[in-house]
Amino acid sequence: MQLTMNKKHGSLQTGILLQYLLWHDIFLSAMYNTVHISSFCLLLKAAFVIAASSRTILAKQFVIHLHKKLKQKSN
């Protein structure tokens, strides 16, 4: 996963990276059952919105990863 840092998209890319790190922290908490599953589902919905409005591979890869883990957790 690579960030392209240029003047036009640099702040957007940095913002998405920070969101990714925040989501990952919440995601790990959810996997260890310290976050309620409904909060985790809301997080997944938010991730889809960000990925849909973003053209970055980082956001899209995170959504795919999050969705797979949610399916594993629900089984």
Protein backbone atom coordinates (compact mmCIF):
# COMPACT_ATOMS: atom_id res chain seq x y z
CA MET A 1 0.00 0.00 0.00
CA GLN A 2 1.53 3.23 -1.14
CA LEU A 3 0.54 6.82 -0.54
CA THR A 4 1.04 9.35 -3.27
CA MET A 5 1.87 12.67 -1.70
CA ASN A 6 1.36 15.58 -4.05
CA LYS A 7 -0.06 19.04 -3.44
CA LYS A 8 -3.45 18.26 -4.96
CA HIS A 9 -4.22 14.98 -3.20
CA GLY A 10 -1.74 14.89 -0.31
CA SER A 11 -4.13 15.95 2.43
CA LEU A 12 -6.85 13.58 1.19
CA GLN A 13 -4.43 10.67 1.15
CA THR A 14 -3.14 11.54 4.62
CA GLY A 15 -6.71 11.82 5.93
CA ILE A 16 -7.58 8.41 4.55
CA LEU A 17 -4.47 6.91 6.12
CA LEU A 18 -5.42 8.38 9.50
CA GLN A 19 -8.97 7.01 9.11
CA TYR A 20 -7.51 3.63 8.23
CA LEU A 21 -5.40 3.62 11.39
CA LEU A 22 -8.42 4.61 13.51
CA TRP A 23 -10.62 1.95 11.90
CA HIS A 24 -7.93 -0.65 12.35
CA ASP A 25 -7.76 0.15 16.08
CA ILE A 26 -11.55 -0.15 16.42
CA PHE A 27 -11.48 -3.28 14.27
CA LEU A 28 -8.95 -4.98 16.56
CA SER A 29 -11.07 -4.04 19.56
CA ALA A 30 -14.11 -5.56 17.85
CA MET A 31 -12.24 -8.76 17.12
CA TYR A 32 -11.41 -9.05 20.81
CA ASN A 33 -15.07 -8.38 21.72
CA THR A 34 -14.46 -5.01 23.39
CA VAL A 35 -16.68 -3.21 20.87
CA HIS A 36 -20.33 -4.20 20.37
CA ILE A 37 -21.07 -5.85 17.02
CA SER A 38 -23.58 -3.11 16.03
CA SER A 39 -20.81 -0.52 16.34
CA PHE A 40 -18.66 -2.75 14.18
CA CYS A 41 -21.39 -2.90 11.51
CA LEU A 42 -21.67 0.90 11.53
CA LEU A 43 -17.92 1.06 11.09
CA LEU A 44 -18.17 -1.24 8.08
CA LYS A 45 -20.88 0.96 6.51
CA ALA A 46 -18.72 4.04 7.03
CA ALA A 47 -15.78 2.26 5.42
CA PHE A 48 -17.89 1.49 2.34
CA VAL A 49 -18.92 5.15 2.03
CA ILE A 50 -15.32 6.34 2.23
CA ALA A 51 -14.14 3.71 -0.25
CA ALA A 52 -16.93 4.54 -2.69
CA SER A 53 -16.05 8.24 -2.63
CA SER A 54 -12.34 7.58 -2.80
CA ARG A 55 -10.23 6.26 -5.60
CA THR A 56 -7.46 5.09 -3.34
CA ILE A 57 -6.45 1.46 -3.22
CA LEU A 58 -5.78 1.84 0.53
CA ALA A 59 -9.42 2.50 1.40
CA LYS A 60 -10.73 -0.21 -0.89
CA GLN A 61 -8.31 -2.83 0.40
CA PHE A 62 -9.28 -1.98 3.96
CA VAL A 63 -12.99 -2.41 3.22
CA ILE A 64 -12.34 -5.83 1.68
CA HIS A 65 -10.25 -6.84 4.70
CA LEU A 66 -12.89 -5.54 7.13
CA HIS A 67 -15.71 -7.35 5.33
CA LYS A 68 -13.85 -10.68 5.38
CA LYS A 69 -13.17 -10.37 9.11
CA LEU A 70 -16.80 -9.46 9.83
CA LYS A 71 -17.96 -12.58 7.98
CA GLN A 72 -15.50 -14.70 9.98
CA LYS A 73 -16.69 -13.15 13.24
CA SER A 74 -20.36 -13.78 12.44
CA ASN A 75 -19.78 -17.49 11.67
